[in-house]
Amino acid sequence: MDEPDGKKLEEMIKELSNALIAVKHEQEYMQVRDRVHRGINEYTNNRVVLWAVFEVILLFAMTAGQIFYLKRFFEVRRII
């Protein structure tokens, strides 16, 4: 190999190395973004689950209250 081919090969290797470093940085950035988004998704999921549990408890409380109210409303009252 003569000198121009060697320089060309060396430049190509440097370009490939730079491209590889850029890909590595991009991959690290994507991993950070993935961790952040995963954390946000887990937090949101936990809030949705807690809200659903609260709604179920509230639904049962309202049902019990309505049953109690309607029982008292339709009680036969005896006036002596």
PDB file of N, CA and C in Angstrom:
ATOM      1  N   MET A   1       0.837  -1.178   0.000  1.00  0.00           N
ATOM      2  CA  MET A   1       0.000   0.000   0.000  1.00  0.00           C
ATOM      3  C   MET A   1       0.885   1.246   0.000  1.00  0.00           C
ATOM      4  N   ASP A   2       0.579   2.143  -0.873  1.00  0.00           N
ATOM      5  CA  ASP A   2       1.368   3.374  -0.854  1.00  0.00           C
ATOM      6  C   ASP A   2       0.719   4.397   0.070  1.00  0.00           C
ATOM      7  N   GLU A   3       1.380   5.514   0.226  1.00  0.00           N
ATOM      8  CA  GLU A   3       1.020   6.515   1.236  1.00  0.00           C
ATOM      9  C   GLU A   3      -0.392   7.086   1.075  1.00  0.00           C
ATOM     10  N   PRO A   4      -0.881   7.461  -0.110  1.00  0.00           N
ATOM     11  CA  PRO A   4      -2.237   8.029  -0.220  1.00  0.00           C
ATOM     12  C   PRO A   4      -3.316   7.034   0.222  1.00  0.00           C
ATOM     13  N   ASP A   5      -3.126   5.754  -0.116  1.00  0.00           N
ATOM     14  CA  ASP A   5      -4.117   4.759   0.305  1.00  0.00           C
ATOM     15  C   ASP A   5      -4.104   4.587   1.818  1.00  0.00           C
ATOM     16  N   GLY A   6      -2.936   4.629   2.410  1.00  0.00           N
ATOM     17  CA  GLY A   6      -2.810   4.511   3.865  1.00  0.00           C
ATOM     18  C   GLY A   6      -3.480   5.671   4.577  1.00  0.00           C
ATOM     19  N   LYS A   7      -3.285   6.893   4.051  1.00  0.00           N
ATOM     20  CA  LYS A   7      -3.921   8.075   4.648  1.00  0.00           C
ATOM     21  C   LYS A   7      -5.439   7.981   4.509  1.00  0.00           C
ATOM     22  N   LYS A   8      -5.883   7.530   3.329  1.00  0.00           N
ATOM     23  CA  LYS A   8      -7.321   7.415   3.090  1.00  0.00           C
ATOM     24  C   LYS A   8      -7.932   6.393   4.052  1.00  0.00           C
ATOM     25  N   LEU A   9      -7.247   5.278   4.221  1.00  0.00           N
ATOM     26  CA  LEU A   9      -7.717   4.245   5.137  1.00  0.00           C
ATOM     27  C   LEU A   9      -7.734   4.768   6.576  1.00  0.00           C
ATOM     28  N   GLU A  10      -6.698   5.515   6.944  1.00  0.00           N
ATOM     29  CA  GLU A  10      -6.634   6.078   8.290  1.00  0.00           C
ATOM     30  C   GLU A  10      -7.773   7.071   8.523  1.00  0.00           C
ATOM     31  N   GLU A  11      -8.075   7.894   7.518  1.00  0.00           N
ATOM     32  CA  GLU A  11      -9.183   8.847   7.632  1.00  0.00           C
ATOM     33  C   GLU A  11     -10.513   8.118   7.755  1.00  0.00           C
ATOM     34  N   MET A  12     -10.684   7.061   6.989  1.00  0.00           N
ATOM     35  CA  MET A  12     -11.925   6.285   7.057  1.00  0.00           C
ATOM     36  C   MET A  12     -12.092   5.650   8.441  1.00  0.00           C
ATOM     37  N   ILE A  13     -10.993   5.182   9.005  1.00  0.00           N
ATOM     38  CA  ILE A  13     -11.044   4.590  10.342  1.00  0.00           C
ATOM     39  C   ILE A  13     -11.400   5.652  11.374  1.00  0.00           C
ATOM     40  N   LYS A  14     -10.840   6.874  11.240  1.00  0.00           N
ATOM     41  CA  LYS A  14     -11.174   7.963  12.162  1.00  0.00           C
ATOM     42  C   LYS A  14     -12.651   8.343  12.044  1.00  0.00           C
ATOM     43  N   GLU A  15     -13.162   8.413  10.804  1.00  0.00           N
ATOM     44  CA  GLU A  15     -14.576   8.738  10.599  1.00  0.00           C
ATOM     45  C   GLU A  15     -15.468   7.665  11.219  1.00  0.00           C
ATOM     46  N   LEU A  16     -15.078   6.419  11.017  1.00  0.00           N
ATOM     47  CA  LEU A  16     -15.844   5.317  11.588  1.00  0.00           C
ATOM     48  C   LEU A  16     -15.806   5.369  13.117  1.00  0.00           C
ATOM     49  N   SER A  17     -14.652   5.696  13.667  1.00  0.00           N
ATOM     50  CA  SER A  17     -14.514   5.811  15.117  1.00  0.00           C
ATOM     51  C   SER A  17     -15.384   6.946  15.649  1.00  0.00           C
ATOM     52  N   ASN A  18     -15.370   8.086  14.958  1.00  0.00           N
ATOM     53  CA  ASN A  18     -16.208   9.218  15.371  1.00  0.00           C
ATOM     54  C   ASN A  18     -17.693   8.870  15.278  1.00  0.00           C
ATOM     55  N   ALA A  19     -18.065   8.177  14.205  1.00  0.00           N
ATOM     56  CA  ALA A  19     -19.463   7.771  14.052  1.00  0.00           C
ATOM     57  C   ALA A  19     -19.862   6.803  15.163  1.00  0.00           C
ATOM     58  N   LEU A  20     -18.968   5.901  15.511  1.00  0.00           N
ATOM     59  CA  LEU A  20     -19.240   4.941  16.577  1.00  0.00           C
ATOM     60  C   LEU A  20     -19.398   5.648  17.921  1.00  0.00           C
ATOM     61  N   ILE A  21     -18.557   6.644  18.171  1.00  0.00           N
ATOM     62  CA  ILE A  21     -18.668   7.422  19.411  1.00  0.00           C
ATOM     63  C   ILE A  21     -20.002   8.170  19.442  1.00  0.00           C
ATOM     64  N   ALA A  22     -20.396   8.736  18.298  1.00  0.00           N
ATOM     65  CA  ALA A  22     -21.678   9.447  18.230  1.00  0.00           C
ATOM     66  C   ALA A  22     -22.838   8.492  18.497  1.00  0.00           C
ATOM     67  N   VAL A  23     -22.768   7.296  17.942  1.00  0.00           N
ATOM     68  CA  VAL A  23     -23.822   6.309  18.174  1.00  0.00           C
ATOM     69  C   VAL A  23     -23.864   5.917  19.649  1.00  0.00           C
ATOM     70  N   LYS A  24     -22.700   5.769  20.255  1.00  0.00           N
ATOM     71  CA  LYS A  24     -22.637   5.416  21.678  1.00  0.00           C
ATOM     72  C   LYS A  24     -23.271   6.508  22.535  1.00  0.00           C
ATOM     73  N   HIS A  25     -22.963   7.775  22.226  1.00  0.00           N
ATOM     74  CA  HIS A  25     -23.555   8.885  22.978  1.00  0.00           C
ATOM     75  C   HIS A  25     -25.073   8.920  22.789  1.00  0.00           C
ATOM     76  N   GLU A  26     -25.512   8.687  21.572  1.00  0.00           N
ATOM     77  CA  GLU A  26     -26.953   8.672  21.290  1.00  0.00           C
ATOM     78  C   GLU A  26     -27.638   7.540  22.059  1.00  0.00           C
ATOM     79  N   GLN A  27     -26.990   6.400  22.116  1.00  0.00           N
ATOM     80  CA  GLN A  27     -27.550   5.267  22.844  1.00  0.00           C
ATOM     81  C   GLN A  27     -27.625   5.568  24.346  1.00  0.00           C
ATOM     82  N   GLU A  28     -26.596   6.193  24.889  1.00  0.00           N
ATOM     83  CA  GLU A  28     -26.625   6.572  26.306  1.00  0.00           C
ATOM     84  C   GLU A  28     -27.749   7.570  26.577  1.00  0.00           C
ATOM     85  N   TYR A  29     -27.928   8.522  25.654  1.00  0.00           N
ATOM     86  CA  TYR A  29     -29.005   9.500  25.787  1.00  0.00           C
ATOM     87  C   TYR A  29     -30.366   8.806  25.763  1.00  0.00           C
ATOM     88  N   MET A  30     -30.523   7.851  24.859  1.00  0.00           N
ATOM     89  CA  MET A  30     -31.788   7.120  24.762  1.00  0.00           C
ATOM     90  C   MET A  30     -32.045   6.293  26.023  1.00  0.00           C
ATOM     91  N   GLN A  31     -30.999   5.748  26.612  1.00  0.00           N
ATOM     92  CA  GLN A  31     -31.167   4.984  27.850  1.00  0.00           C
ATOM     93  C   GLN A  31     -31.626   5.893  28.985  1.00  0.00           C
ATOM     94  N   VAL A  32     -31.071   7.094  29.050  1.00  0.00           N
ATOM     95  CA  VAL A  32     -31.494   8.054  30.076  1.00  0.00           C
ATOM     96  C   VAL A  32     -32.952   8.431  29.855  1.00  0.00           C
ATOM     97  N   ARG A  33     -33.315   8.718  28.611  1.00  0.00           N
ATOM     98  CA  ARG A  33     -34.709   9.057  28.299  1.00  0.00           C
ATOM     99  C   ARG A  33     -35.640   7.912  28.658  1.00  0.00           C
ATOM    100  N   ASP A  34     -35.205   6.688  28.368  1.00  0.00           N
ATOM    101  CA  ASP A  34     -36.023   5.518  28.677  1.00  0.00           C
ATOM    102  C   ASP A  34     -36.257   5.404  30.179  1.00  0.00           C
ATOM    103  N   ARG A  35     -35.200   5.626  30.970  1.00  0.00           N
ATOM    104  CA  ARG A  35     -35.352   5.555  32.428  1.00  0.00           C
ATOM    105  C   ARG A  35     -36.311   6.635  32.934  1.00  0.00           C
ATOM    106  N   VAL A  36     -36.172   7.839  32.391  1.00  0.00           N
ATOM    107  CA  VAL A  36     -37.050   8.937  32.810  1.00  0.00           C
ATOM    108  C   VAL A  36     -38.498   8.615  32.458  1.00  0.00           C
ATOM    109  N   HIS A  37     -38.728   8.189  31.228  1.00  0.00           N
ATOM    110  CA  HIS A  37     -40.094   7.886  30.796  1.00  0.00           C
ATOM    111  C   HIS A  37     -40.669   6.692  31.557  1.00  0.00           C
ATOM    112  N   ARG A  38     -39.841   5.705  31.839  1.00  0.00           N
ATOM    113  CA  ARG A  38     -40.307   4.554  32.621  1.00  0.00           C
ATOM    114  C   ARG A  38     -40.734   5.010  34.015  1.00  0.00           C
ATOM    115  N   GLY A  39     -39.951   5.892  34.618  1.00  0.00           N
ATOM    116  CA  GLY A  39     -40.313   6.417  35.938  1.00  0.00           C
ATOM    117  C   GLY A  39     -41.628   7.179  35.903  1.00  0.00           C
ATOM    118  N   ILE A  40     -41.796   8.008  34.884  1.00  0.00           N
ATOM    119  CA  ILE A  40     -43.042   8.765  34.744  1.00  0.00           C
ATOM    120  C   ILE A  40     -44.216   7.816  34.554  1.00  0.00           C
ATOM    121  N   ASN A  41     -44.041   6.804  33.711  1.00  0.00           N
ATOM    122  CA  ASN A  41     -45.119   5.845  33.465  1.00  0.00           C
ATOM    123  C   ASN A  41     -45.484   5.071  34.728  1.00  0.00           C
ATOM    124  N   GLU A  42     -44.494   4.656  35.492  1.00  0.00           N
ATOM    125  CA  GLU A  42     -44.775   3.919  36.728  1.00  0.00           C
ATOM    126  C   GLU A  42     -45.481   4.811  37.745  1.00  0.00           C
ATOM    127  N   TYR A  43     -45.058   6.061  37.854  1.00  0.00           N
ATOM    128  CA  TYR A  43     -45.704   6.998  38.772  1.00  0.00           C
ATOM    129  C   TYR A  43     -47.164   7.224  38.365  1.00  0.00           C
ATOM    130  N   THR A  44     -47.382   7.434  37.071  1.00  0.00           N
ATOM    131  CA  THR A  44     -48.739   7.646  36.575  1.00  0.00           C
ATOM    132  C   THR A  44     -49.593   6.410  36.805  1.00  0.00           C
ATOM    133  N   ASN A  45     -49.028   5.235  36.555  1.00  0.00           N
ATOM    134  CA  ASN A  45     -49.766   3.994  36.771  1.00  0.00           C
ATOM    135  C   ASN A  45     -50.153   3.845  38.238  1.00  0.00           C
ATOM    136  N   ASN A  46     -49.239   4.155  39.142  1.00  0.00           N
ATOM    137  CA  ASN A  46     -49.551   4.074  40.573  1.00  0.00           C
ATOM    138  C   ASN A  46     -50.676   5.025  40.954  1.00  0.00           C
ATOM    139  N   ARG A  47     -50.650   6.219  40.398  1.00  0.00           N
ATOM    140  CA  ARG A  47     -51.714   7.188  40.694  1.00  0.00           C
ATOM    141  C   ARG A  47     -53.054   6.712  40.162  1.00  0.00           C
ATOM    142  N   VAL A  48     -53.058   6.119  38.968  1.00  0.00           N
ATOM    143  CA  VAL A  48     -54.304   5.611  38.392  1.00  0.00           C
ATOM    144  C   VAL A  48     -54.859   4.478  39.249  1.00  0.00           C
ATOM    145  N   VAL A  49     -53.988   3.581  39.702  1.00  0.00           N
ATOM    146  CA  VAL A  49     -54.435   2.468  40.551  1.00  0.00           C
ATOM    147  C   VAL A  49     -55.008   3.000  41.865  1.00  0.00           C
ATOM    148  N   LEU A  50     -54.313   3.940  42.492  1.00  0.00           N
ATOM    149  CA  LEU A  50     -54.814   4.501  43.747  1.00  0.00           C
ATOM    150  C   LEU A  50     -56.156   5.206  43.548  1.00  0.00           C
ATOM    151  N   TRP A  51     -56.295   5.921  42.447  1.00  0.00           N
ATOM    152  CA  TRP A  51     -57.556   6.604  42.174  1.00  0.00           C
ATOM    153  C   TRP A  51     -58.672   5.588  41.955  1.00  0.00           C
ATOM    154  N   ALA A  52     -58.381   4.482  41.266  1.00  0.00           N
ATOM    155  CA  ALA A  52     -59.388   3.445  41.041  1.00  0.00           C
ATOM    156  C   ALA A  52     -59.813   2.814  42.368  1.00  0.00           C
ATOM    157  N   VAL A  53     -58.861   2.568  43.263  1.00  0.00           N
ATOM    158  CA  VAL A  53     -59.191   2.013  44.585  1.00  0.00           C
ATOM    159  C   VAL A  53     -60.067   3.002  45.354  1.00  0.00           C
ATOM    160  N   PHE A  54     -59.712   4.273  45.303  1.00  0.00           N
ATOM    161  CA  PHE A  54     -60.519   5.299  45.966  1.00  0.00           C
ATOM    162  C   PHE A  54     -61.936   5.322  45.401  1.00  0.00           C
ATOM    163  N   GLU A  55     -62.072   5.218  44.086  1.00  0.00           N
ATOM    164  CA  GLU A  55     -63.394   5.213  43.463  1.00  0.00           C
ATOM    165  C   GLU A  55     -64.220   4.011  43.907  1.00  0.00           C
ATOM    166  N   VAL A  56     -63.587   2.843  44.005  1.00  0.00           N
ATOM    167  CA  VAL A  56     -64.310   1.645  44.443  1.00  0.00           C
ATOM    168  C   VAL A  56     -64.795   1.815  45.878  1.00  0.00           C
ATOM    169  N   ILE A  57     -63.923   2.320  46.743  1.00  0.00           N
ATOM    170  CA  ILE A  57     -64.321   2.543  48.141  1.00  0.00           C
ATOM    171  C   ILE A  57     -65.466   3.551  48.210  1.00  0.00           C
ATOM    172  N   LEU A  58     -65.353   4.628  47.444  1.00  0.00           N
ATOM    173  CA  LEU A  58     -66.410   5.637  47.417  1.00  0.00           C
ATOM    174  C   LEU A  58     -67.714   5.055  46.878  1.00  0.00           C
ATOM    175  N   LEU A  59     -67.629   4.213  45.869  1.00  0.00           N
ATOM    176  CA  LEU A  59     -68.819   3.586  45.297  1.00  0.00           C
ATOM    177  C   LEU A  59     -69.523   2.718  46.337  1.00  0.00           C
ATOM    178  N   PHE A  60     -68.758   1.912  47.075  1.00  0.00           N
ATOM    179  CA  PHE A  60     -69.365   1.074  48.109  1.00  0.00           C
ATOM    180  C   PHE A  60     -69.968   1.924  49.226  1.00  0.00           C
ATOM    181  N   ALA A  61     -69.295   2.993  49.602  1.00  0.00           N
ATOM    182  CA  ALA A  61     -69.820   3.872  50.650  1.00  0.00           C
ATOM    183  C   ALA A  61     -71.125   4.532  50.198  1.00  0.00           C
ATOM    184  N   MET A  62     -71.159   4.989  48.960  1.00  0.00           N
ATOM    185  CA  MET A  62     -72.379   5.614  48.439  1.00  0.00           C
ATOM    186  C   MET A  62     -73.516   4.597  48.352  1.00  0.00           C
ATOM    187  N   THR A  63     -73.199   3.380  47.938  1.00  0.00           N
ATOM    188  CA  THR A  63     -74.220   2.333  47.851  1.00  0.00           C
ATOM    189  C   THR A  63     -74.793   2.029  49.230  1.00  0.00           C
ATOM    190  N   ALA A  64     -73.918   1.871  50.218  1.00  0.00           N
ATOM    191  CA  ALA A  64     -74.380   1.601  51.580  1.00  0.00           C
ATOM    192  C   ALA A  64     -75.223   2.766  52.097  1.00  0.00           C
ATOM    193  N   GLY A  65     -74.805   3.983  51.832  1.00  0.00           N
ATOM    194  CA  GLY A  65     -75.565   5.154  52.265  1.00  0.00           C
ATOM    195  C   GLY A  65     -76.938   5.209  51.623  1.00  0.00           C
ATOM    196  N   GLN A  66     -77.023   4.911  50.345  1.00  0.00           N
ATOM    197  CA  GLN A  66     -78.312   4.937  49.659  1.00  0.00           C
ATOM    198  C   GLN A  66     -79.235   3.836  50.174  1.00  0.00           C
ATOM    199  N   ILE A  67     -78.675   2.656  50.409  1.00  0.00           N
ATOM    200  CA  ILE A  67     -79.496   1.566  50.943  1.00  0.00           C
ATOM    201  C   ILE A  67     -80.039   1.949  52.315  1.00  0.00           C
ATOM    202  N   PHE A  68     -79.183   2.478  53.171  1.00  0.00           N
ATOM    203  CA  PHE A  68     -79.610   2.903  54.506  1.00  0.00           C
ATOM    204  C   PHE A  68     -80.693   3.979  54.406  1.00  0.00           C
ATOM    205  N   TYR A  69     -80.483   4.955  53.536  1.00  0.00           N
ATOM    206  CA  TYR A  69     -81.448   6.048  53.382  1.00  0.00           C
ATOM    207  C   TYR A  69     -82.785   5.528  52.866  1.00  0.00           C
ATOM    208  N   LEU A  70     -82.761   4.667  51.857  1.00  0.00           N
ATOM    209  CA  LEU A  70     -84.011   4.157  51.294  1.00  0.00           C
ATOM    210  C   LEU A  70     -84.740   3.249  52.281  1.00  0.00           C
ATOM    211  N   LYS A  71     -84.012   2.475  53.068  1.00  0.00           N
ATOM    212  CA  LYS A  71     -84.660   1.650  54.094  1.00  0.00           C
ATOM    213  C   LYS A  71     -85.393   2.536  55.089  1.00  0.00           C
ATOM    214  N   ARG A  72     -84.749   3.589  55.528  1.00  0.00           N
ATOM    215  CA  ARG A  72     -85.393   4.502  56.479  1.00  0.00           C
ATOM    216  C   ARG A  72     -86.556   5.238  55.830  1.00  0.00           C
ATOM    217  N   PHE A  73     -86.447   5.558  54.562  1.00  0.00           N
ATOM    218  CA  PHE A  73     -87.496   6.298  53.865  1.00  0.00           C
ATOM    219  C   PHE A  73     -88.767   5.461  53.739  1.00  0.00           C
ATOM    220  N   PHE A  74     -88.600   4.168  53.470  1.00  0.00           N
ATOM    221  CA  PHE A  74     -89.761   3.317  53.245  1.00  0.00           C
ATOM    222  C   PHE A  74     -90.201   2.550  54.494  1.00  0.00           C
ATOM    223  N   GLU A  75     -89.630   2.858  55.643  1.00  0.00           N
ATOM    224  CA  GLU A  75     -90.076   2.215  56.875  1.00  0.00           C
ATOM    225  C   GLU A  75     -91.521   2.588  57.155  1.00  0.00           C
ATOM    226  N   VAL A  76     -92.257   1.598  57.634  1.00  0.00           N
ATOM    227  CA  VAL A  76     -93.639   1.882  58.025  1.00  0.00           C
ATOM    228  C   VAL A  76     -93.591   2.462  59.431  1.00  0.00           C
ATOM    229  N   ARG A  77     -94.083   3.662  59.548  1.00  0.00           N
ATOM    230  CA  ARG A  77     -94.065   4.320  60.852  1.00  0.00           C
ATOM    231  C   ARG A  77     -95.445   4.152  61.493  1.00  0.00           C
ATOM    232  N   ARG A  78     -95.397   3.653  62.677  1.00  0.00           N
ATOM    233  CA  ARG A  78     -96.651   3.455  63.411  1.00  0.00           C
ATOM    234  C   ARG A  78     -96.851   4.633  64.371  1.00  0.00           C
ATOM    235  N   ILE A  79     -97.973   5.207  64.238  1.00  0.00           N
ATOM    236  CA  ILE A  79     -98.302   6.312  65.141  1.00  0.00           C
ATOM    237  C   ILE A  79     -99.283   5.754  66.169  1.00  0.00           C
ATOM    238  N   ILE A  80     -98.891   5.807  67.381  1.00  0.00           N
ATOM    239  CA  ILE A  80     -99.752   5.260  68.441  1.00  0.00           C
ATOM    240  C   ILE A  80    -100.492   6.369  69.137  1.00  0.00           C
TER     241      ILE A  80
END
